[in-house]
Amino acid sequence: MRIPRHRLFLGAGIAATAAYLVLPWGLGTELSYEVIGAVAVVAIVVGSRAKPRRLPWLLMAAGQALFVAGDLTWVLYRRVL
């Protein structure tokens, strides 16, 4: 029996979110938050391939990518500068 890819992705996302919630606060949890957001960008782009009108989905992915970039900039600013 083959498990669909979207269900595997959902399971991995749930596991990553649960790990984020139970880990002690620090740089590792902050970076895991960024990775979860970046993976969401990839998921939106991959999922948009199946849509006839891709532009709205790609714009949503771009917005999510900008959010992740801004949040990562803030984390690095707090930790480094």
PDB file of N, CA and C in Angstrom:
ATOM      1  N   MET A   1       0.837  -1.175   0.000  1.00  0.00           N
ATOM      2  CA  MET A   1       0.000   0.000   0.000  1.00  0.00           C
ATOM      3  C   MET A   1       0.889   1.249   0.000  1.00  0.00           C
ATOM      4  N   ARG A   2       0.639   2.126  -0.930  1.00  0.00           N
ATOM      5  CA  ARG A   2       1.453   3.330  -1.081  1.00  0.00           C
ATOM      6  C   ARG A   2       0.755   4.511  -0.416  1.00  0.00           C
ATOM      7  N   ILE A   3       1.501   5.249   0.399  1.00  0.00           N
ATOM      8  CA  ILE A   3       0.952   6.429   1.081  1.00  0.00           C
ATOM      9  C   ILE A   3       1.152   7.639   0.181  1.00  0.00           C
ATOM     10  N   PRO A   4       0.094   8.439  -0.046  1.00  0.00           N
ATOM     11  CA  PRO A   4       0.247   9.629  -0.889  1.00  0.00           C
ATOM     12  C   PRO A   4       1.253  10.607  -0.281  1.00  0.00           C
ATOM     13  N   ARG A   5       1.959  11.317  -1.174  1.00  0.00           N
ATOM     14  CA  ARG A   5       3.002  12.242  -0.720  1.00  0.00           C
ATOM     15  C   ARG A   5       2.456  13.342   0.178  1.00  0.00           C
ATOM     16  N   HIS A   6       1.251  13.823  -0.124  1.00  0.00           N
ATOM     17  CA  HIS A   6       0.723  14.913   0.693  1.00  0.00           C
ATOM     18  C   HIS A   6       0.454  14.458   2.119  1.00  0.00           C
ATOM     19  N   ARG A   7       0.127  13.203   2.295  1.00  0.00           N
ATOM     20  CA  ARG A   7      -0.081  12.700   3.665  1.00  0.00           C
ATOM     21  C   ARG A   7       1.250  12.541   4.405  1.00  0.00           C
ATOM     22  N   LEU A   8       2.275  12.137   3.696  1.00  0.00           N
ATOM     23  CA  LEU A   8       3.602  12.072   4.313  1.00  0.00           C
ATOM     24  C   LEU A   8       4.068  13.465   4.722  1.00  0.00           C
ATOM     25  N   PHE A   9       3.838  14.436   3.846  1.00  0.00           N
ATOM     26  CA  PHE A   9       4.210  15.811   4.147  1.00  0.00           C
ATOM     27  C   PHE A   9       3.441  16.328   5.356  1.00  0.00           C
ATOM     28  N   LEU A  10       2.148  16.025   5.410  1.00  0.00           N
ATOM     29  CA  LEU A  10       1.330  16.439   6.548  1.00  0.00           C
ATOM     30  C   LEU A  10       1.842  15.816   7.846  1.00  0.00           C
ATOM     31  N   GLY A  11       2.158  14.537   7.803  1.00  0.00           N
ATOM     32  CA  GLY A  11       2.693  13.869   8.995  1.00  0.00           C
ATOM     33  C   GLY A  11       4.016  14.453   9.445  1.00  0.00           C
ATOM     34  N   ALA A  12       4.895  14.744   8.483  1.00  0.00           N
ATOM     35  CA  ALA A  12       6.181  15.352   8.828  1.00  0.00           C
ATOM     36  C   ALA A  12       5.979  16.748   9.396  1.00  0.00           C
ATOM     37  N   GLY A  13       5.024  17.495   8.854  1.00  0.00           N
ATOM     38  CA  GLY A  13       4.739  18.833   9.377  1.00  0.00           C
ATOM     39  C   GLY A  13       4.192  18.791  10.798  1.00  0.00           C
ATOM     40  N   ILE A  14       3.327  17.856  11.069  1.00  0.00           N
ATOM     41  CA  ILE A  14       2.785  17.706  12.417  1.00  0.00           C
ATOM     42  C   ILE A  14       3.898  17.317  13.392  1.00  0.00           C
ATOM     43  N   ALA A  15       4.762  16.404  12.974  1.00  0.00           N
ATOM     44  CA  ALA A  15       5.876  15.991  13.838  1.00  0.00           C
ATOM     45  C   ALA A  15       6.837  17.147  14.090  1.00  0.00           C
ATOM     46  N   ALA A  16       7.139  17.932  13.049  1.00  0.00           N
ATOM     47  CA  ALA A  16       8.045  19.063  13.220  1.00  0.00           C
ATOM     48  C   ALA A  16       7.440  20.127  14.129  1.00  0.00           C
ATOM     49  N   THR A  17       6.150  20.364  13.989  1.00  0.00           N
ATOM     50  CA  THR A  17       5.488  21.340  14.851  1.00  0.00           C
ATOM     51  C   THR A  17       5.456  20.861  16.295  1.00  0.00           C
ATOM     52  N   ALA A  18       5.184  19.581  16.502  1.00  0.00           N
ATOM     53  CA  ALA A  18       5.193  19.035  17.863  1.00  0.00           C
ATOM     54  C   ALA A  18       6.583  19.128  18.475  1.00  0.00           C
ATOM     55  N   ALA A  19       7.611  18.836  17.680  1.00  0.00           N
ATOM     56  CA  ALA A  19       8.992  18.944  18.188  1.00  0.00           C
ATOM     57  C   ALA A  19       9.315  20.388  18.549  1.00  0.00           C
ATOM     58  N   TYR A  20       8.864  21.319  17.736  1.00  0.00           N
ATOM     59  CA  TYR A  20       9.089  22.742  18.023  1.00  0.00           C
ATOM     60  C   TYR A  20       8.448  23.133  19.354  1.00  0.00           C
ATOM     61  N   LEU A  21       7.267  22.601  19.608  1.00  0.00           N
ATOM     62  CA  LEU A  21       6.543  22.983  20.819  1.00  0.00           C
ATOM     63  C   LEU A  21       7.132  22.390  22.093  1.00  0.00           C
ATOM     64  N   VAL A  22       7.800  21.240  21.994  1.00  0.00           N
ATOM     65  CA  VAL A  22       8.304  20.600  23.210  1.00  0.00           C
ATOM     66  C   VAL A  22       9.781  20.883  23.474  1.00  0.00           C
ATOM     67  N   LEU A  23      10.501  21.398  22.475  1.00  0.00           N
ATOM     68  CA  LEU A  23      11.918  21.707  22.687  1.00  0.00           C
ATOM     69  C   LEU A  23      12.068  22.941  23.570  1.00  0.00           C
ATOM     70  N   PRO A  24      13.138  22.994  24.372  1.00  0.00           N
ATOM     71  CA  PRO A  24      13.379  24.202  25.159  1.00  0.00           C
ATOM     72  C   PRO A  24      13.714  25.372  24.242  1.00  0.00           C
ATOM     73  N   TRP A  25      13.299  26.571  24.647  1.00  0.00           N
ATOM     74  CA  TRP A  25      13.479  27.754  23.808  1.00  0.00           C
ATOM     75  C   TRP A  25      14.956  28.072  23.630  1.00  0.00           C
ATOM     76  N   GLY A  26      15.337  28.383  22.418  1.00  0.00           N
ATOM     77  CA  GLY A  26      16.716  28.732  22.107  1.00  0.00           C
ATOM     78  C   GLY A  26      16.887  28.872  20.611  1.00  0.00           C
ATOM     79  N   LEU A  27      18.120  28.923  20.192  1.00  0.00           N
ATOM     80  CA  LEU A  27      18.413  29.109  18.775  1.00  0.00           C
ATOM     81  C   LEU A  27      17.878  27.944  17.941  1.00  0.00           C
ATOM     82  N   GLY A  28      17.938  26.749  18.472  1.00  0.00           N
ATOM     83  CA  GLY A  28      17.445  25.583  17.743  1.00  0.00           C
ATOM     84  C   GLY A  28      15.963  25.665  17.443  1.00  0.00           C
ATOM     85  N   THR A  29      15.172  26.084  18.413  1.00  0.00           N
ATOM     86  CA  THR A  29      13.739  26.210  18.172  1.00  0.00           C
ATOM     87  C   THR A  29      13.445  27.367  17.228  1.00  0.00           C
ATOM     88  N   GLU A  30      14.209  28.447  17.348  1.00  0.00           N
ATOM     89  CA  GLU A  30      13.988  29.570  16.440  1.00  0.00           C
ATOM     90  C   GLU A  30      14.300  29.178  15.005  1.00  0.00           C
ATOM     91  N   LEU A  31      15.374  28.438  14.797  1.00  0.00           N
ATOM     92  CA  LEU A  31      15.714  28.005  13.448  1.00  0.00           C
ATOM     93  C   LEU A  31      14.757  26.936  12.932  1.00  0.00           C
ATOM     94  N   SER A  32      14.261  26.078  13.811  1.00  0.00           N
ATOM     95  CA  SER A  32      13.283  25.087  13.362  1.00  0.00           C
ATOM     96  C   SER A  32      11.991  25.768  12.911  1.00  0.00           C
ATOM     97  N   TYR A  33      11.624  26.871  13.555  1.00  0.00           N
ATOM     98  CA  TYR A  33      10.468  27.659  13.141  1.00  0.00           C
ATOM     99  C   TYR A  33      10.674  28.189  11.727  1.00  0.00           C
ATOM    100  N   GLU A  34      11.894  28.635  11.434  1.00  0.00           N
ATOM    101  CA  GLU A  34      12.210  29.155  10.105  1.00  0.00           C
ATOM    102  C   GLU A  34      12.187  28.038   9.061  1.00  0.00           C
ATOM    103  N   VAL A  35      12.672  26.876   9.428  1.00  0.00           N
ATOM    104  CA  VAL A  35      12.669  25.745   8.494  1.00  0.00           C
ATOM    105  C   VAL A  35      11.242  25.327   8.170  1.00  0.00           C
ATOM    106  N   ILE A  36      10.379  25.293   9.174  1.00  0.00           N
ATOM    107  CA  ILE A  36       8.979  24.947   8.932  1.00  0.00           C
ATOM    108  C   ILE A  36       8.353  25.946   7.960  1.00  0.00           C
ATOM    109  N   GLY A  37       8.642  27.223   8.135  1.00  0.00           N
ATOM    110  CA  GLY A  37       8.122  28.235   7.223  1.00  0.00           C
ATOM    111  C   GLY A  37       8.679  28.095   5.820  1.00  0.00           C
ATOM    112  N   ALA A  38       9.962  27.779   5.702  1.00  0.00           N
ATOM    113  CA  ALA A  38      10.579  27.616   4.387  1.00  0.00           C
ATOM    114  C   ALA A  38      10.032  26.392   3.661  1.00  0.00           C
ATOM    115  N   VAL A  39       9.775  25.333   4.397  1.00  0.00           N
ATOM    116  CA  VAL A  39       9.192  24.138   3.792  1.00  0.00           C
ATOM    117  C   VAL A  39       7.771  24.428   3.306  1.00  0.00           C
ATOM    118  N   ALA A  40       7.067  25.301   3.996  1.00  0.00           N
ATOM    119  CA  ALA A  40       5.736  25.699   3.537  1.00  0.00           C
ATOM    120  C   ALA A  40       5.810  26.399   2.191  1.00  0.00           C
ATOM    121  N   VAL A  41       6.851  27.201   1.984  1.00  0.00           N
ATOM    122  CA  VAL A  41       7.047  27.862   0.683  1.00  0.00           C
ATOM    123  C   VAL A  41       7.220  26.810  -0.407  1.00  0.00           C
ATOM    124  N   VAL A  42       8.052  25.831  -0.151  1.00  0.00           N
ATOM    125  CA  VAL A  42       8.275  24.764  -1.130  1.00  0.00           C
ATOM    126  C   VAL A  42       6.978  24.010  -1.407  1.00  0.00           C
ATOM    127  N   ALA A  43       6.204  23.734  -0.373  1.00  0.00           N
ATOM    128  CA  ALA A  43       4.944  23.009  -0.550  1.00  0.00           C
ATOM    129  C   ALA A  43       3.960  23.804  -1.402  1.00  0.00           C
ATOM    130  N   ILE A  44       3.902  25.111  -1.206  1.00  0.00           N
ATOM    131  CA  ILE A  44       2.995  25.939  -2.004  1.00  0.00           C
ATOM    132  C   ILE A  44       3.428  25.933  -3.464  1.00  0.00           C
ATOM    133  N   VAL A  45       4.720  26.056  -3.709  1.00  0.00           N
ATOM    134  CA  VAL A  45       5.213  26.070  -5.089  1.00  0.00           C
ATOM    135  C   VAL A  45       4.956  24.725  -5.766  1.00  0.00           C
ATOM    136  N   VAL A  46       5.237  23.637  -5.078  1.00  0.00           N
ATOM    137  CA  VAL A  46       5.011  22.309  -5.655  1.00  0.00           C
ATOM    138  C   VAL A  46       3.518  22.089  -5.891  1.00  0.00           C
ATOM    139  N   GLY A  47       2.704  22.483  -4.949  1.00  0.00           N
ATOM    140  CA  GLY A  47       1.259  22.315  -5.110  1.00  0.00           C
ATOM    141  C   GLY A  47       0.675  23.187  -6.202  1.00  0.00           C
ATOM    142  N   SER A  48       1.303  24.310  -6.473  1.00  0.00           N
ATOM    143  CA  SER A  48       0.782  25.209  -7.507  1.00  0.00           C
ATOM    144  C   SER A  48       0.948  24.632  -8.902  1.00  0.00           C
ATOM    145  N   ARG A  49       1.827  23.662  -9.056  1.00  0.00           N
ATOM    146  CA  ARG A  49       2.022  23.061 -10.376  1.00  0.00           C
ATOM    147  C   ARG A  49       0.760  22.376 -10.882  1.00  0.00           C
ATOM    148  N   ALA A  50      -0.088  21.937  -9.976  1.00  0.00           N
ATOM    149  CA  ALA A  50      -1.314  21.239 -10.368  1.00  0.00           C
ATOM    150  C   ALA A  50      -2.471  22.190 -10.653  1.00  0.00           C
ATOM    151  N   LYS A  51      -2.268  23.465 -10.478  1.00  0.00           N
ATOM    152  CA  LYS A  51      -3.344  24.440 -10.649  1.00  0.00           C
ATOM    153  C   LYS A  51      -3.243  25.101 -12.019  1.00  0.00           C
ATOM    154  N   PRO A  52      -4.391  25.361 -12.659  1.00  0.00           N
ATOM    155  CA  PRO A  52      -4.338  26.046 -13.959  1.00  0.00           C
ATOM    156  C   PRO A  52      -3.930  27.514 -13.826  1.00  0.00           C
ATOM    157  N   ARG A  53      -4.321  28.156 -12.751  1.00  0.00           N
ATOM    158  CA  ARG A  53      -3.927  29.544 -12.498  1.00  0.00           C
ATOM    159  C   ARG A  53      -2.902  29.543 -11.377  1.00  0.00           C
ATOM    160  N   ARG A  54      -1.639  29.617 -11.744  1.00  0.00           N
ATOM    161  CA  ARG A  54      -0.558  29.483 -10.769  1.00  0.00           C
ATOM    162  C   ARG A  54      -0.195  30.791 -10.100  1.00  0.00           C
ATOM    163  N   LEU A  55      -0.452  31.920 -10.747  1.00  0.00           N
ATOM    164  CA  LEU A  55       0.043  33.195 -10.238  1.00  0.00           C
ATOM    165  C   LEU A  55      -0.397  33.489  -8.804  1.00  0.00           C
ATOM    166  N   PRO A  56      -1.674  33.325  -8.443  1.00  0.00           N
ATOM    167  CA  PRO A  56      -2.040  33.601  -7.044  1.00  0.00           C
ATOM    168  C   PRO A  56      -1.271  32.731  -6.048  1.00  0.00           C
ATOM    169  N   TRP A  57      -1.036  31.480  -6.395  1.00  0.00           N
ATOM    170  CA  TRP A  57      -0.309  30.590  -5.500  1.00  0.00           C
ATOM    171  C   TRP A  57       1.162  30.981  -5.405  1.00  0.00           C
ATOM    172  N   LEU A  58       1.731  31.379  -6.528  1.00  0.00           N
ATOM    173  CA  LEU A  58       3.131  31.801  -6.495  1.00  0.00           C
ATOM    174  C   LEU A  58       3.293  33.106  -5.726  1.00  0.00           C
ATOM    175  N   LEU A  59       2.305  33.986  -5.816  1.00  0.00           N
ATOM    176  CA  LEU A  59       2.353  35.216  -5.019  1.00  0.00           C
ATOM    177  C   LEU A  59       2.229  34.907  -3.526  1.00  0.00           C
ATOM    178  N   MET A  60       1.394  33.921  -3.196  1.00  0.00           N
ATOM    179  CA  MET A  60       1.283  33.501  -1.796  1.00  0.00           C
ATOM    180  C   MET A  60       2.604  32.909  -1.309  1.00  0.00           C
ATOM    181  N   ALA A  61       3.251  32.120  -2.153  1.00  0.00           N
ATOM    182  CA  ALA A  61       4.556  31.552  -1.796  1.00  0.00           C
ATOM    183  C   ALA A  61       5.585  32.662  -1.614  1.00  0.00           C
ATOM    184  N   ALA A  62       5.541  33.671  -2.478  1.00  0.00           N
ATOM    185  CA  ALA A  62       6.474  34.795  -2.353  1.00  0.00           C
ATOM    186  C   ALA A  62       6.239  35.547  -1.050  1.00  0.00           C
ATOM    187  N   GLY A  63       4.978  35.741  -0.688  1.00  0.00           N
ATOM    188  CA  GLY A  63       4.676  36.404   0.582  1.00  0.00           C
ATOM    189  C   GLY A  63       5.168  35.611   1.774  1.00  0.00           C
ATOM    190  N   GLN A  64       4.977  34.306   1.734  1.00  0.00           N
ATOM    191  CA  GLN A  64       5.466  33.447   2.817  1.00  0.00           C
ATOM    192  C   GLN A  64       6.988  33.481   2.878  1.00  0.00           C
ATOM    193  N   ALA A  65       7.638  33.479   1.714  1.00  0.00           N
ATOM    194  CA  ALA A  65       9.103  33.538   1.678  1.00  0.00           C
ATOM    195  C   ALA A  65       9.607  34.851   2.260  1.00  0.00           C
ATOM    196  N   LEU A  66       8.930  35.947   1.954  1.00  0.00           N
ATOM    197  CA  LEU A  66       9.330  37.239   2.530  1.00  0.00           C
ATOM    198  C   LEU A  66       9.125  37.252   4.038  1.00  0.00           C
ATOM    199  N   PHE A  67       8.038  36.626   4.515  1.00  0.00           N
ATOM    200  CA  PHE A  67       7.813  36.530   5.959  1.00  0.00           C
ATOM    201  C   PHE A  67       8.944  35.757   6.630  1.00  0.00           C
ATOM    202  N   VAL A  68       9.307  34.622   6.041  1.00  0.00           N
ATOM    203  CA  VAL A  68      10.384  33.799   6.612  1.00  0.00           C
ATOM    204  C   VAL A  68      11.697  34.579   6.593  1.00  0.00           C
ATOM    205  N   ALA A  69      11.979  35.277   5.493  1.00  0.00           N
ATOM    206  CA  ALA A  69      13.216  36.053   5.407  1.00  0.00           C
ATOM    207  C   ALA A  69      13.242  37.159   6.463  1.00  0.00           C
ATOM    208  N   GLY A  70      12.122  37.833   6.654  1.00  0.00           N
ATOM    209  CA  GLY A  70      12.068  38.881   7.671  1.00  0.00           C
ATOM    210  C   GLY A  70      12.223  38.329   9.072  1.00  0.00           C
ATOM    211  N   ASP A  71      11.567  37.215   9.345  1.00  0.00           N
ATOM    212  CA  ASP A  71      11.675  36.608  10.671  1.00  0.00           C
ATOM    213  C   ASP A  71      13.084  36.099  10.923  1.00  0.00           C
ATOM    214  N   LEU A  72      13.705  35.505   9.913  1.00  0.00           N
ATOM    215  CA  LEU A  72      15.083  35.038  10.063  1.00  0.00           C
ATOM    216  C   LEU A  72      16.032  36.207  10.281  1.00  0.00           C
ATOM    217  N   THR A  73      15.794  37.306   9.580  1.00  0.00           N
ATOM    218  CA  THR A  73      16.608  38.508   9.795  1.00  0.00           C
ATOM    219  C   THR A  73      16.493  38.991  11.235  1.00  0.00           C
ATOM    220  N   TRP A  74      15.296  38.963  11.779  1.00  0.00           N
ATOM    221  CA  TRP A  74      15.093  39.398  13.164  1.00  0.00           C
ATOM    222  C   TRP A  74      15.815  38.448  14.131  1.00  0.00           C
ATOM    223  N   VAL A  75      15.738  37.159  13.899  1.00  0.00           N
ATOM    224  CA  VAL A  75      16.421  36.194  14.773  1.00  0.00           C
ATOM    225  C   VAL A  75      17.924  36.430  14.737  1.00  0.00           C
ATOM    226  N   LEU A  76      18.481  36.592  13.541  1.00  0.00           N
ATOM    227  CA  LEU A  76      19.919  36.833  13.434  1.00  0.00           C
ATOM    228  C   LEU A  76      20.306  38.169  14.036  1.00  0.00           C
ATOM    229  N   TYR A  77      19.459  39.164  13.890  1.00  0.00           N
ATOM    230  CA  TYR A  77      19.718  40.472  14.488  1.00  0.00           C
ATOM    231  C   TYR A  77      19.784  40.370  16.018  1.00  0.00           C
ATOM    232  N   ARG A  78      18.825  39.649  16.597  1.00  0.00           N
ATOM    233  CA  ARG A  78      18.816  39.496  18.065  1.00  0.00           C
ATOM    234  C   ARG A  78      19.985  38.656  18.555  1.00  0.00           C
ATOM    235  N   ARG A  79      20.321  37.591  17.832  1.00  0.00           N
ATOM    236  CA  ARG A  79      21.351  36.659  18.291  1.00  0.00           C
ATOM    237  C   ARG A  79      22.777  37.157  18.023  1.00  0.00           C
ATOM    238  N   VAL A  80      22.971  37.853  16.909  1.00  0.00           N
ATOM    239  CA  VAL A  80      24.327  38.235  16.499  1.00  0.00           C
ATOM    240  C   VAL A  80      24.643  39.662  16.835  1.00  0.00           C
ATOM    241  N   LEU A  81      23.730  40.575  16.541  1.00  0.00           N
ATOM    242  CA  LEU A  81      24.047  42.003  16.694  1.00  0.00           C
ATOM    243  C   LEU A  81      23.657  42.529  18.041  1.00  0.00           C
TER     244      LEU A  81
END
